[in-house]
Amino acid sequence: MDILRILSYIGYSILCINIIIYFIGFAKNNKAYKIFVYYLVAIAIIQGVMEFYAHKGYNNHFLSNYYLLSRFVLLSLFFYYAFSTIQNKISQFVKFTSITIIIGLVVQYSLYPEQYYQFNSLGFLITAAVLVLYAVFYLYEMLSKKLPFYYTIMGIFLYMLSSAVIFASATSIVSFNDKINIYIWKLNAFLFIVYQLLILWEWRRTFYPKLMKQEQ
């Protein structure tokens, strides 16, 4: 088994662990928390289907569009609800910016239906950049307020910032030699592991103590 597949399985395994533990006390948490859990479930399902297609030798490029849209929609909702209790102006900014981007993506797919069967490099670049911006706003708010999701937001910031370059250049990757190609995807798989570990640590530091208090 090659290192890329091993890294992918490790990342997927940690993702599944995160889904299980974040469902503990799910009903007692706020909307931002719940939306984030839905996001974890959505990307797990899509990645599972993509892995199945790859194992069967089927073309799974079209599934990246579902990954793109579900990731952006659910994380935008997460940020909207996270900001709604601390900074209403930013939550409204998130709302209107996200709606504009989604409309833009719908128009893009309508004008270029062939894009459905390819990596949407422009879509990944724009949505990742916007999510990085939301994360920066949240981290700025944390300078003056004690807020949850610190490690999660750091994970989003780091992973979106780095993977934006990788996915945005996806159409060019095929022109690289095999060594560079494999290195790029290994790097992405490793960054996904770091991202999931930060999410796991968030639960351990923030939500597990809270759960213990509720049960006492």
N, C-alpha and C. Protein backbone atom coordinates (compact mmCIF):
# COMPACT_ATOMS: atom_id res chain seq x y z
N MET A 1 0.85 -1.19 0.00
CA MET A 1 0.00 0.00 0.00
C MET A 1 0.90 1.25 0.00
N ASP A 2 0.67 2.20 -0.93
CA ASP A 2 1.53 3.37 -1.02
C ASP A 2 1.20 4.37 0.07
N ILE A 3 2.13 5.30 0.29
CA ILE A 3 2.02 6.26 1.37
C ILE A 3 0.82 7.18 1.21
N LEU A 4 0.48 7.54 -0.02
CA LEU A 4 -0.67 8.42 -0.26
C LEU A 4 -1.96 7.78 0.22
N ARG A 5 -2.13 6.49 -0.09
CA ARG A 5 -3.34 5.78 0.35
C ARG A 5 -3.37 5.65 1.87
N ILE A 6 -2.20 5.42 2.46
CA ILE A 6 -2.13 5.31 3.93
C ILE A 6 -2.52 6.64 4.58
N LEU A 7 -1.97 7.75 4.07
CA LEU A 7 -2.32 9.07 4.59
C LEU A 7 -3.81 9.36 4.43
N SER A 8 -4.36 8.99 3.28
CA SER A 8 -5.78 9.20 3.03
C SER A 8 -6.64 8.43 4.02
N TYR A 9 -6.27 7.17 4.28
CA TYR A 9 -7.02 6.34 5.22
C TYR A 9 -6.91 6.87 6.65
N ILE A 10 -5.73 7.38 7.01
CA ILE A 10 -5.56 7.96 8.35
C ILE A 10 -6.47 9.18 8.51
N GLY A 11 -6.46 10.06 7.51
CA GLY A 11 -7.30 11.26 7.56
C GLY A 11 -8.77 10.91 7.62
N TYR A 12 -9.17 9.93 6.82
CA TYR A 12 -10.57 9.51 6.79
C TYR A 12 -10.97 8.87 8.12
N SER A 13 -10.06 8.11 8.72
CA SER A 13 -10.33 7.47 10.02
C SER A 13 -10.54 8.50 11.12
N ILE A 14 -9.67 9.54 11.14
CA ILE A 14 -9.81 10.59 12.15
C ILE A 14 -11.11 11.36 11.92
N LEU A 15 -11.46 11.58 10.65
CA LEU A 15 -12.72 12.24 10.32
C LEU A 15 -13.91 11.45 10.89
N CYS A 16 -13.89 10.14 10.73
CA CYS A 16 -14.98 9.30 11.25
C CYS A 16 -15.03 9.35 12.77
N ILE A 17 -13.86 9.37 13.42
CA ILE A 17 -13.81 9.50 14.88
C ILE A 17 -14.42 10.83 15.31
N ASN A 18 -14.08 11.89 14.58
CA ASN A 18 -14.64 13.21 14.89
C ASN A 18 -16.15 13.23 14.78
N ILE A 19 -16.67 12.58 13.76
CA ILE A 19 -18.13 12.53 13.59
C ILE A 19 -18.77 11.85 14.79
N ILE A 20 -18.20 10.75 15.22
CA ILE A 20 -18.75 9.99 16.35
C ILE A 20 -18.74 10.82 17.64
N ILE A 21 -17.60 11.40 17.95
CA ILE A 21 -17.50 12.13 19.22
C ILE A 21 -18.29 13.44 19.20
N TYR A 22 -18.38 14.09 18.03
CA TYR A 22 -19.13 15.34 17.96
C TYR A 22 -20.64 15.10 18.03
N PHE A 23 -21.06 13.87 17.77
CA PHE A 23 -22.49 13.56 17.92
C PHE A 23 -22.85 13.36 19.39
N ILE A 24 -21.83 13.20 20.26
CA ILE A 24 -22.08 13.11 21.69
C ILE A 24 -22.49 14.50 22.20
N GLY A 25 -23.66 14.61 22.76
CA GLY A 25 -24.15 15.91 23.22
C GLY A 25 -24.59 16.81 22.09
N PHE A 26 -24.84 16.24 20.91
CA PHE A 26 -25.22 17.00 19.71
C PHE A 26 -26.42 17.91 19.98
N ALA A 27 -27.48 17.36 20.56
CA ALA A 27 -28.74 18.09 20.75
C ALA A 27 -28.59 19.27 21.72
N LYS A 28 -27.58 19.23 22.59
CA LYS A 28 -27.43 20.26 23.62
C LYS A 28 -26.58 21.44 23.16
N ASN A 29 -26.04 21.37 21.95
CA ASN A 29 -25.18 22.43 21.45
C ASN A 29 -25.91 23.36 20.49
N ASN A 30 -25.25 24.49 20.15
CA ASN A 30 -25.90 25.51 19.34
C ASN A 30 -25.90 25.16 17.85
N LYS A 31 -26.46 26.07 17.05
CA LYS A 31 -26.62 25.82 15.61
C LYS A 31 -25.28 25.72 14.90
N ALA A 32 -24.32 26.56 15.29
CA ALA A 32 -23.00 26.52 14.65
C ALA A 32 -22.37 25.14 14.83
N TYR A 33 -22.46 24.61 16.03
CA TYR A 33 -21.93 23.27 16.33
C TYR A 33 -22.61 22.22 15.46
N LYS A 34 -23.93 22.28 15.39
CA LYS A 34 -24.69 21.28 14.63
C LYS A 34 -24.37 21.34 13.14
N ILE A 35 -24.28 22.56 12.61
CA ILE A 35 -23.95 22.72 11.19
C ILE A 35 -22.55 22.15 10.91
N PHE A 36 -21.64 22.35 11.83
CA PHE A 36 -20.29 21.84 11.64
C PHE A 36 -20.29 20.31 11.61
N VAL A 37 -21.10 19.70 12.45
CA VAL A 37 -21.22 18.24 12.44
C VAL A 37 -21.79 17.77 11.10
N TYR A 38 -22.80 18.48 10.59
CA TYR A 38 -23.36 18.14 9.28
C TYR A 38 -22.29 18.23 8.20
N TYR A 39 -21.43 19.23 8.32
CA TYR A 39 -20.32 19.38 7.37
C TYR A 39 -19.39 18.17 7.41
N LEU A 40 -19.04 17.74 8.62
CA LEU A 40 -18.17 16.56 8.75
C LEU A 40 -18.80 15.33 8.13
N VAL A 41 -20.10 15.15 8.36
CA VAL A 41 -20.81 14.01 7.80
C VAL A 41 -20.83 14.08 6.27
N ALA A 42 -21.11 15.27 5.75
CA ALA A 42 -21.20 15.44 4.29
C ALA A 42 -19.88 15.12 3.60
N ILE A 43 -18.76 15.65 4.12
CA ILE A 43 -17.49 15.39 3.45
C ILE A 43 -17.06 13.93 3.63
N ALA A 44 -17.48 13.31 4.74
CA ALA A 44 -17.16 11.89 4.93
C ALA A 44 -17.88 11.04 3.90
N ILE A 45 -19.15 11.35 3.66
CA ILE A 45 -19.94 10.59 2.67
C ILE A 45 -19.35 10.77 1.28
N ILE A 46 -19.06 12.01 0.92
CA ILE A 46 -18.54 12.29 -0.42
C ILE A 46 -17.17 11.64 -0.61
N GLN A 47 -16.31 11.73 0.39
CA GLN A 47 -14.99 11.11 0.28
C GLN A 47 -15.10 9.59 0.21
N GLY A 48 -16.07 9.04 0.93
CA GLY A 48 -16.29 7.60 0.87
C GLY A 48 -16.72 7.15 -0.52
N VAL A 49 -17.62 7.92 -1.13
CA VAL A 49 -18.09 7.60 -2.49
C VAL A 49 -16.95 7.77 -3.49
N MET A 50 -16.16 8.82 -3.32
CA MET A 50 -15.02 9.05 -4.22
C MET A 50 -14.01 7.90 -4.13
N GLU A 51 -13.79 7.42 -2.91
CA GLU A 51 -12.87 6.29 -2.71
C GLU A 51 -13.41 5.03 -3.38
N PHE A 52 -14.73 4.83 -3.29
CA PHE A 52 -15.36 3.67 -3.92
C PHE A 52 -15.21 3.74 -5.44
N TYR A 53 -15.47 4.92 -6.01
CA TYR A 53 -15.32 5.10 -7.45
C TYR A 53 -13.87 4.85 -7.89
N ALA A 54 -12.93 5.38 -7.11
CA ALA A 54 -11.50 5.20 -7.45
C ALA A 54 -11.13 3.72 -7.39
N HIS A 55 -11.64 3.01 -6.38
CA HIS A 55 -11.34 1.58 -6.22
C HIS A 55 -11.87 0.77 -7.41
N LYS A 56 -13.02 1.20 -7.93
CA LYS A 56 -13.63 0.51 -9.07
C LYS A 56 -13.05 0.96 -10.40
N GLY A 57 -12.20 2.01 -10.34
CA GLY A 57 -11.60 2.50 -11.58
C GLY A 57 -12.50 3.45 -12.34
N TYR A 58 -13.56 3.97 -11.68
CA TYR A 58 -14.48 4.90 -12.33
C TYR A 58 -13.93 6.33 -12.22
N ASN A 59 -14.34 7.17 -13.14
CA ASN A 59 -13.99 8.59 -13.08
C ASN A 59 -14.80 9.25 -11.96
N ASN A 60 -14.10 9.82 -10.97
CA ASN A 60 -14.81 10.43 -9.84
C ASN A 60 -14.64 11.95 -9.79
N HIS A 61 -14.17 12.54 -10.89
CA HIS A 61 -13.93 13.99 -10.91
C HIS A 61 -15.20 14.78 -10.65
N PHE A 62 -16.35 14.30 -11.15
CA PHE A 62 -17.59 15.05 -10.98
C PHE A 62 -17.99 15.16 -9.51
N LEU A 63 -17.54 14.21 -8.69
CA LEU A 63 -17.87 14.24 -7.26
C LEU A 63 -17.19 15.39 -6.54
N SER A 64 -16.09 15.90 -7.12
CA SER A 64 -15.41 17.04 -6.50
C SER A 64 -16.30 18.27 -6.46
N ASN A 65 -17.25 18.35 -7.39
CA ASN A 65 -18.17 19.49 -7.40
C ASN A 65 -19.13 19.43 -6.22
N TYR A 66 -19.55 18.21 -5.84
CA TYR A 66 -20.39 18.06 -4.65
C TYR A 66 -19.60 18.39 -3.40
N TYR A 67 -18.33 18.02 -3.39
CA TYR A 67 -17.44 18.34 -2.27
C TYR A 67 -17.30 19.86 -2.15
N LEU A 68 -17.06 20.50 -3.29
CA LEU A 68 -16.91 21.96 -3.33
C LEU A 68 -18.13 22.67 -2.78
N LEU A 69 -19.31 22.32 -3.29
CA LEU A 69 -20.54 23.01 -2.92
C LEU A 69 -20.96 22.73 -1.49
N SER A 70 -20.91 21.46 -1.08
CA SER A 70 -21.33 21.12 0.28
C SER A 70 -20.38 21.74 1.30
N ARG A 71 -19.08 21.73 1.02
CA ARG A 71 -18.11 22.32 1.93
C ARG A 71 -18.36 23.82 2.09
N PHE A 72 -18.55 24.50 0.97
CA PHE A 72 -18.73 25.95 1.05
C PHE A 72 -20.05 26.33 1.71
N VAL A 73 -21.13 25.67 1.33
CA VAL A 73 -22.45 26.00 1.88
C VAL A 73 -22.48 25.75 3.39
N LEU A 74 -22.02 24.57 3.82
CA LEU A 74 -22.11 24.21 5.23
C LEU A 74 -21.13 25.02 6.10
N LEU A 75 -19.93 25.26 5.62
CA LEU A 75 -19.00 26.08 6.40
C LEU A 75 -19.44 27.55 6.43
N SER A 76 -20.07 28.02 5.37
CA SER A 76 -20.61 29.38 5.38
C SER A 76 -21.73 29.50 6.41
N LEU A 77 -22.59 28.49 6.47
CA LEU A 77 -23.64 28.48 7.50
C LEU A 77 -23.03 28.41 8.89
N PHE A 78 -21.99 27.61 9.03
CA PHE A 78 -21.29 27.52 10.32
C PHE A 78 -20.78 28.89 10.75
N PHE A 79 -20.11 29.60 9.85
CA PHE A 79 -19.60 30.93 10.20
C PHE A 79 -20.74 31.91 10.44
N TYR A 80 -21.81 31.80 9.67
CA TYR A 80 -22.95 32.71 9.86
C TYR A 80 -23.51 32.59 11.27
N TYR A 81 -23.74 31.36 11.72
CA TYR A 81 -24.28 31.15 13.07
C TYR A 81 -23.25 31.45 14.15
N ALA A 82 -21.97 31.19 13.86
CA ALA A 82 -20.93 31.48 14.84
C ALA A 82 -20.81 32.99 15.08
N PHE A 83 -20.96 33.78 14.00
CA PHE A 83 -20.87 35.23 14.12
C PHE A 83 -22.17 35.87 14.62
N SER A 84 -23.30 35.20 14.44
CA SER A 84 -24.60 35.81 14.75
C SER A 84 -24.74 36.18 16.22
N THR A 85 -24.01 35.50 17.10
CA THR A 85 -24.10 35.78 18.53
C THR A 85 -23.02 36.74 19.02
N ILE A 86 -22.07 37.09 18.15
CA ILE A 86 -20.97 37.95 18.60
C ILE A 86 -20.81 39.22 17.76
N GLN A 87 -21.16 39.16 16.48
CA GLN A 87 -20.97 40.31 15.61
C GLN A 87 -21.95 40.20 14.43
N ASN A 88 -23.11 40.85 14.59
CA ASN A 88 -24.18 40.72 13.60
C ASN A 88 -23.78 41.25 12.22
N LYS A 89 -22.99 42.32 12.19
CA LYS A 89 -22.58 42.89 10.90
C LYS A 89 -21.77 41.89 10.08
N ILE A 90 -20.88 41.16 10.76
CA ILE A 90 -20.07 40.17 10.04
C ILE A 90 -20.94 38.99 9.61
N SER A 91 -21.90 38.61 10.45
CA SER A 91 -22.79 37.49 10.07
C SER A 91 -23.58 37.85 8.82
N GLN A 92 -24.00 39.10 8.71
CA GLN A 92 -24.72 39.55 7.51
C GLN A 92 -23.79 39.58 6.30
N PHE A 93 -22.54 39.99 6.54
CA PHE A 93 -21.55 39.97 5.46
C PHE A 93 -21.34 38.54 4.95
N VAL A 94 -21.22 37.60 5.88
CA VAL A 94 -21.06 36.18 5.52
C VAL A 94 -22.26 35.72 4.71
N LYS A 95 -23.44 36.10 5.15
CA LYS A 95 -24.68 35.69 4.48
C LYS A 95 -24.71 36.17 3.03
N PHE A 96 -24.53 37.47 2.82
CA PHE A 96 -24.66 38.02 1.47
C PHE A 96 -23.48 37.62 0.56
N THR A 97 -22.29 37.54 1.13
CA THR A 97 -21.13 37.12 0.33
C THR A 97 -21.31 35.67 -0.13
N SER A 98 -21.73 34.81 0.79
CA SER A 98 -21.91 33.39 0.47
C SER A 98 -23.00 33.18 -0.57
N ILE A 99 -24.11 33.90 -0.42
CA ILE A 99 -25.20 33.79 -1.40
C ILE A 99 -24.71 34.23 -2.78
N THR A 100 -23.94 35.32 -2.82
CA THR A 100 -23.40 35.82 -4.09
C THR A 100 -22.49 34.78 -4.75
N ILE A 101 -21.62 34.16 -3.95
CA ILE A 101 -20.71 33.14 -4.48
C ILE A 101 -21.49 31.93 -4.99
N ILE A 102 -22.50 31.51 -4.25
CA ILE A 102 -23.30 30.35 -4.66
C ILE A 102 -24.03 30.64 -5.97
N ILE A 103 -24.60 31.84 -6.07
CA ILE A 103 -25.27 32.23 -7.33
C ILE A 103 -24.26 32.23 -8.47
N GLY A 104 -23.06 32.74 -8.20
CA GLY A 104 -22.01 32.75 -9.22
C GLY A 104 -21.65 31.35 -9.68
N LEU A 105 -21.58 30.40 -8.74
CA LEU A 105 -21.28 29.01 -9.09
C LEU A 105 -22.40 28.39 -9.93
N VAL A 106 -23.64 28.70 -9.58
CA VAL A 106 -24.79 28.19 -10.34
C VAL A 106 -24.74 28.71 -11.77
N VAL A 107 -24.43 30.00 -11.91
CA VAL A 107 -24.31 30.61 -13.25
C VAL A 107 -23.17 29.94 -14.02
N GLN A 108 -22.04 29.72 -13.35
CA GLN A 108 -20.89 29.08 -14.01
C GLN A 108 -21.25 27.69 -14.55
N TYR A 109 -21.92 26.89 -13.71
CA TYR A 109 -22.30 25.54 -14.15
C TYR A 109 -23.36 25.59 -15.26
N SER A 110 -24.20 26.63 -15.24
CA SER A 110 -25.23 26.78 -16.28
C SER A 110 -24.61 27.14 -17.62
N LEU A 111 -23.62 28.03 -17.57
CA LEU A 111 -22.97 28.48 -18.81
C LEU A 111 -21.97 27.45 -19.34
N TYR A 112 -21.34 26.72 -18.41
CA TYR A 112 -20.33 25.73 -18.81
C TYR A 112 -20.66 24.38 -18.18
N PRO A 113 -21.69 23.70 -18.69
CA PRO A 113 -22.12 22.43 -18.08
C PRO A 113 -21.04 21.35 -18.07
N GLU A 114 -20.05 21.48 -18.97
CA GLU A 114 -18.96 20.50 -19.00
C GLU A 114 -18.11 20.57 -17.74
N GLN A 115 -18.22 21.70 -17.02
CA GLN A 115 -17.46 21.88 -15.79
C GLN A 115 -17.85 20.86 -14.73
N TYR A 116 -19.06 20.34 -14.85
CA TYR A 116 -19.57 19.35 -13.89
C TYR A 116 -18.71 18.10 -13.87
N TYR A 117 -18.07 17.79 -14.99
CA TYR A 117 -17.28 16.57 -15.10
C TYR A 117 -15.78 16.80 -14.88
N GLN A 118 -15.43 18.00 -14.40
CA GLN A 118 -14.02 18.35 -14.21
C GLN A 118 -13.81 18.94 -12.81
N PHE A 119 -12.54 19.10 -12.43
CA PHE A 119 -12.22 19.87 -11.23
C PHE A 119 -12.53 21.33 -11.51
N ASN A 120 -13.31 21.94 -10.63
CA ASN A 120 -13.63 23.36 -10.80
C ASN A 120 -12.55 24.17 -10.08
N SER A 121 -11.44 24.40 -10.76
CA SER A 121 -10.29 25.07 -10.16
C SER A 121 -10.65 26.46 -9.65
N LEU A 122 -11.36 27.23 -10.48
CA LEU A 122 -11.76 28.58 -10.10
C LEU A 122 -12.70 28.55 -8.90
N GLY A 123 -13.63 27.61 -8.90
CA GLY A 123 -14.57 27.48 -7.80
C GLY A 123 -13.87 27.16 -6.49
N PHE A 124 -12.92 26.22 -6.54
CA PHE A 124 -12.18 25.86 -5.34
C PHE A 124 -11.35 27.05 -4.82
N LEU A 125 -10.74 27.78 -5.75
CA LEU A 125 -9.90 28.91 -5.36
C LEU A 125 -10.73 29.99 -4.67
N ILE A 126 -11.86 30.37 -5.28
CA ILE A 126 -12.68 31.46 -4.74
C ILE A 126 -13.32 31.06 -3.41
N THR A 127 -13.92 29.88 -3.35
CA THR A 127 -14.59 29.47 -2.10
C THR A 127 -13.59 29.29 -0.96
N ALA A 128 -12.42 28.73 -1.26
CA ALA A 128 -11.40 28.56 -0.21
C ALA A 128 -10.92 29.93 0.29
N ALA A 129 -10.72 30.87 -0.64
CA ALA A 129 -10.26 32.21 -0.26
C ALA A 129 -11.30 32.90 0.63
N VAL A 130 -12.57 32.75 0.29
CA VAL A 130 -13.63 33.37 1.09
C VAL A 130 -13.70 32.74 2.48
N LEU A 131 -13.56 31.42 2.56
CA LEU A 131 -13.57 30.75 3.87
C LEU A 131 -12.37 31.16 4.72
N VAL A 132 -11.23 31.36 4.08
CA VAL A 132 -10.06 31.87 4.80
C VAL A 132 -10.35 33.26 5.36
N LEU A 133 -11.03 34.10 4.58
CA LEU A 133 -11.40 35.43 5.03
C LEU A 133 -12.32 35.37 6.24
N TYR A 134 -13.33 34.48 6.20
CA TYR A 134 -14.23 34.32 7.35
C TYR A 134 -13.44 33.89 8.59
N ALA A 135 -12.49 32.98 8.39
CA ALA A 135 -11.68 32.50 9.51
C ALA A 135 -10.84 33.63 10.11
N VAL A 136 -10.29 34.49 9.26
CA VAL A 136 -9.50 35.63 9.73
C VAL A 136 -10.38 36.56 10.57
N PHE A 137 -11.60 36.83 10.11
CA PHE A 137 -12.53 37.67 10.87
C PHE A 137 -12.80 37.07 12.24
N TYR A 138 -12.99 35.76 12.28
CA TYR A 138 -13.29 35.10 13.54
C TYR A 138 -12.10 35.16 14.49
N LEU A 139 -10.92 34.90 13.97
CA LEU A 139 -9.71 34.96 14.79
C LEU A 139 -9.48 36.38 15.32
N TYR A 140 -9.83 37.38 14.52
CA TYR A 140 -9.72 38.77 14.97
C TYR A 140 -10.66 39.04 16.14
N GLU A 141 -11.88 38.51 16.06
CA GLU A 141 -12.84 38.67 17.15
C GLU A 141 -12.33 38.01 18.43
N MET A 142 -11.56 36.96 18.27
CA MET A 142 -11.04 36.24 19.44
C MET A 142 -9.97 37.02 20.20
N LEU A 143 -9.45 38.07 19.58
CA LEU A 143 -8.46 38.89 20.27
C LEU A 143 -9.07 39.62 21.46
N SER A 144 -10.38 39.90 21.37
CA SER A 144 -11.04 40.64 22.45
C SER A 144 -12.15 39.85 23.14
N LYS A 145 -12.42 38.64 22.65
CA LYS A 145 -13.49 37.83 23.24
C LYS A 145 -13.02 36.40 23.41
N LYS A 146 -13.56 35.75 24.43
CA LYS A 146 -13.30 34.32 24.62
C LYS A 146 -14.38 33.54 23.88
N LEU A 147 -13.99 32.87 22.80
CA LEU A 147 -14.96 32.21 21.93
C LEU A 147 -14.59 30.74 21.74
N PRO A 148 -15.61 29.92 21.45
CA PRO A 148 -15.32 28.51 21.13
C PRO A 148 -14.78 28.38 19.71
N PHE A 149 -14.40 27.18 19.34
CA PHE A 149 -13.98 26.84 17.97
C PHE A 149 -12.61 27.40 17.59
N TYR A 150 -11.76 27.75 18.57
CA TYR A 150 -10.45 28.30 18.22
C TYR A 150 -9.64 27.34 17.36
N TYR A 151 -9.50 26.09 17.82
CA TYR A 151 -8.68 25.11 17.09
C TYR A 151 -9.34 24.73 15.76
N THR A 152 -10.67 24.69 15.77
CA THR A 152 -11.39 24.39 14.53
C THR A 152 -11.15 25.48 13.49
N ILE A 153 -11.26 26.74 13.92
CA ILE A 153 -11.05 27.85 13.00
C ILE A 153 -9.61 27.88 12.50
N MET A 154 -8.66 27.59 13.38
CA MET A 154 -7.26 27.52 12.96
C MET A 154 -7.08 26.42 11.91
N GLY A 155 -7.76 25.29 12.13
CA GLY A 155 -7.70 24.19 11.16
C GLY A 155 -8.27 24.60 9.82
N ILE A 156 -9.42 25.28 9.85
CA ILE A 156 -10.04 25.76 8.61
C ILE A 156 -9.11 26.72 7.90
N PHE A 157 -8.54 27.66 8.65
CA PHE A 157 -7.65 28.66 8.06
C PHE A 157 -6.44 27.99 7.38
N LEU A 158 -5.77 27.10 8.10
CA LEU A 158 -4.56 26.47 7.57
C LEU A 158 -4.86 25.56 6.39
N TYR A 159 -5.91 24.74 6.53
CA TYR A 159 -6.21 23.77 5.48
C TYR A 159 -6.74 24.46 4.22
N MET A 160 -7.64 25.43 4.40
CA MET A 160 -8.19 26.12 3.23
C MET A 160 -7.14 26.94 2.51
N LEU A 161 -6.27 27.57 3.29
CA LEU A 161 -5.22 28.39 2.68
C LEU A 161 -4.27 27.55 1.84
N SER A 162 -3.88 26.41 2.37
CA SER A 162 -2.93 25.56 1.66
C SER A 162 -3.59 24.75 0.53
N SER A 163 -4.76 24.20 0.82
CA SER A 163 -5.41 23.37 -0.20
C SER A 163 -5.95 24.20 -1.35
N ALA A 164 -6.20 25.50 -1.11
CA ALA A 164 -6.67 26.37 -2.19
C ALA A 164 -5.69 26.35 -3.35
N VAL A 165 -4.41 26.43 -3.02
CA VAL A 165 -3.38 26.43 -4.06
C VAL A 165 -3.36 25.09 -4.80
N ILE A 166 -3.52 24.00 -4.03
CA ILE A 166 -3.48 22.66 -4.62
C ILE A 166 -4.66 22.43 -5.55
N PHE A 167 -5.87 22.71 -5.05
CA PHE A 167 -7.06 22.46 -5.86
C PHE A 167 -7.18 23.46 -7.01
N ALA A 168 -6.76 24.70 -6.77
CA ALA A 168 -6.84 25.71 -7.82
C ALA A 168 -5.94 25.36 -8.99
N SER A 169 -4.86 24.63 -8.71
CA SER A 169 -3.93 24.24 -9.77
C SER A 169 -4.16 22.81 -10.24
N ALA A 170 -5.33 22.25 -9.87
CA ALA A 170 -5.60 20.84 -10.19
C ALA A 170 -5.51 20.54 -11.68
N THR A 171 -5.95 21.48 -12.50
CA THR A 171 -5.90 21.24 -13.94
C THR A 171 -4.47 21.25 -14.46
N SER A 172 -3.57 21.90 -13.73
CA SER A 172 -2.16 21.96 -14.15
C SER A 172 -1.36 20.80 -13.62
N ILE A 173 -1.86 20.17 -12.55
CA ILE A 173 -1.12 19.09 -11.92
C ILE A 173 -0.83 17.96 -12.90
N VAL A 174 -1.78 17.71 -13.78
CA VAL A 174 -1.60 16.60 -14.73
C VAL A 174 -0.41 16.82 -15.65
N SER A 175 0.02 18.08 -15.79
CA SER A 175 1.16 18.36 -16.67
C SER A 175 2.49 18.22 -15.94
N PHE A 176 2.45 18.06 -14.61
CA PHE A 176 3.67 17.86 -13.85
C PHE A 176 4.16 16.43 -14.02
N ASN A 177 5.42 16.19 -13.69
CA ASN A 177 5.87 14.80 -13.73
C ASN A 177 5.28 14.05 -12.54
N ASP A 178 5.32 12.74 -12.62
CA ASP A 178 4.64 11.90 -11.62
C ASP A 178 5.13 12.16 -10.20
N LYS A 179 6.43 12.44 -10.05
CA LYS A 179 6.99 12.66 -8.72
C LYS A 179 6.35 13.87 -8.04
N ILE A 180 6.29 14.99 -8.78
CA ILE A 180 5.71 16.21 -8.23
C ILE A 180 4.21 16.02 -7.99
N ASN A 181 3.56 15.35 -8.93
CA ASN A 181 2.12 15.09 -8.81
C ASN A 181 1.81 14.35 -7.50
N ILE A 182 2.53 13.26 -7.25
CA ILE A 182 2.30 12.46 -6.04
C ILE A 182 2.65 13.26 -4.80
N TYR A 183 3.72 14.05 -4.85
CA TYR A 183 4.12 14.87 -3.70
C TYR A 183 3.02 15.85 -3.32
N ILE A 184 2.42 16.49 -4.31
CA ILE A 184 1.36 17.48 -4.06
C ILE A 184 0.18 16.83 -3.36
N TRP A 185 -0.24 15.65 -3.83
CA TRP A 185 -1.39 14.99 -3.21
C TRP A 185 -1.06 14.39 -1.85
N LYS A 186 0.20 14.01 -1.65
CA LYS A 186 0.63 13.57 -0.31
C LYS A 186 0.56 14.73 0.67
N LEU A 187 1.00 15.89 0.21
CA LEU A 187 0.95 17.09 1.04
C LEU A 187 -0.48 17.43 1.42
N ASN A 188 -1.39 17.34 0.46
CA ASN A 188 -2.79 17.62 0.73
C ASN A 188 -3.37 16.63 1.74
N ALA A 189 -3.02 15.36 1.59
CA ALA A 189 -3.50 14.32 2.51
C ALA A 189 -2.96 14.56 3.92
N PHE A 190 -1.70 14.97 4.01
CA PHE A 190 -1.10 15.26 5.31
C PHE A 190 -1.78 16.45 5.98
N LEU A 191 -2.04 17.51 5.19
CA LEU A 191 -2.69 18.70 5.73
C LEU A 191 -4.11 18.38 6.21
N PHE A 192 -4.77 17.45 5.53
CA PHE A 192 -6.12 17.06 5.95
C PHE A 192 -6.05 16.35 7.30
N ILE A 193 -5.01 15.56 7.53
CA ILE A 193 -4.83 14.90 8.83
C ILE A 193 -4.64 15.95 9.93
N VAL A 194 -3.79 16.95 9.66
CA VAL A 194 -3.57 18.02 10.64
C VAL A 194 -4.89 18.73 10.94
N TYR A 195 -5.64 19.02 9.91
CA TYR A 195 -6.95 19.67 10.04
C TYR A 195 -7.88 18.87 10.94
N GLN A 196 -7.98 17.57 10.70
CA GLN A 196 -8.86 16.72 11.49
C GLN A 196 -8.36 16.57 12.93
N LEU A 197 -7.04 16.57 13.12
CA LEU A 197 -6.49 16.49 14.48
C LEU A 197 -6.82 17.75 15.27
N LEU A 198 -6.81 18.90 14.63
CA LEU A 198 -7.19 20.15 15.29
C LEU A 198 -8.66 20.13 15.68
N ILE A 199 -9.50 19.57 14.82
CA ILE A 199 -10.92 19.43 15.13
C ILE A 199 -11.11 18.49 16.32
N LEU A 200 -10.35 17.41 16.33
CA LEU A 200 -10.39 16.46 17.44
C LEU A 200 -9.95 17.13 18.74
N TRP A 201 -8.89 17.91 18.68
CA TRP A 201 -8.39 18.60 19.87
C TRP A 201 -9.38 19.65 20.36
N GLU A 202 -10.11 20.27 19.43
CA GLU A 202 -11.16 21.22 19.80
C GLU A 202 -12.20 20.55 20.70
N TRP A 203 -12.61 19.36 20.29
CA TRP A 203 -13.61 18.64 21.09
C TRP A 203 -13.04 18.31 22.47
N ARG A 204 -11.79 17.89 22.51
CA ARG A 204 -11.17 17.51 23.78
C ARG A 204 -11.04 18.71 24.72
N ARG A 205 -10.65 19.86 24.18
CA ARG A 205 -10.40 21.03 25.03
C ARG A 205 -11.66 21.83 25.34
N THR A 206 -12.61 21.89 24.40
CA THR A 206 -13.77 22.77 24.56
C THR A 206 -15.05 22.04 24.92
N PHE A 207 -15.37 21.00 24.17
CA PHE A 207 -16.69 20.40 24.31
C PHE A 207 -16.75 19.23 25.29
N TYR A 208 -15.66 18.51 25.44
CA TYR A 208 -15.65 17.40 26.39
C TYR A 208 -15.80 17.89 27.84
N PRO A 209 -15.04 18.92 28.28
CA PRO A 209 -15.24 19.44 29.64
C PRO A 209 -16.66 19.94 29.87
N LYS A 210 -17.22 20.58 28.84
CA LYS A 210 -18.58 21.09 28.92
C LYS A 210 -19.57 19.95 29.09
N LEU A 211 -19.33 18.86 28.39
CA LEU A 211 -20.19 17.68 28.47
C LEU A 211 -20.11 17.05 29.85
N MET A 212 -18.92 17.00 30.41
CA MET A 212 -18.73 16.44 31.75
C MET A 212 -19.47 17.26 32.81
N LYS A 213 -19.46 18.57 32.67
CA LYS A 213 -20.17 19.43 33.61
C LYS A 213 -21.68 19.21 33.54
N GLN A 214 -22.18 19.02 32.32
CA GLN A 214 -23.61 18.81 32.14
C GLN A 214 -24.08 17.49 32.77
N GLU A 215 -23.18 16.51 32.80
CA GLU A 215 -23.55 15.19 33.33
C GLU A 215 -23.41 15.10 34.86
N GLN A 216 -22.75 16.08 35.46
CA GLN A 216 -22.56 16.07 36.91
C GLN A 216 -23.83 16.50 37.67
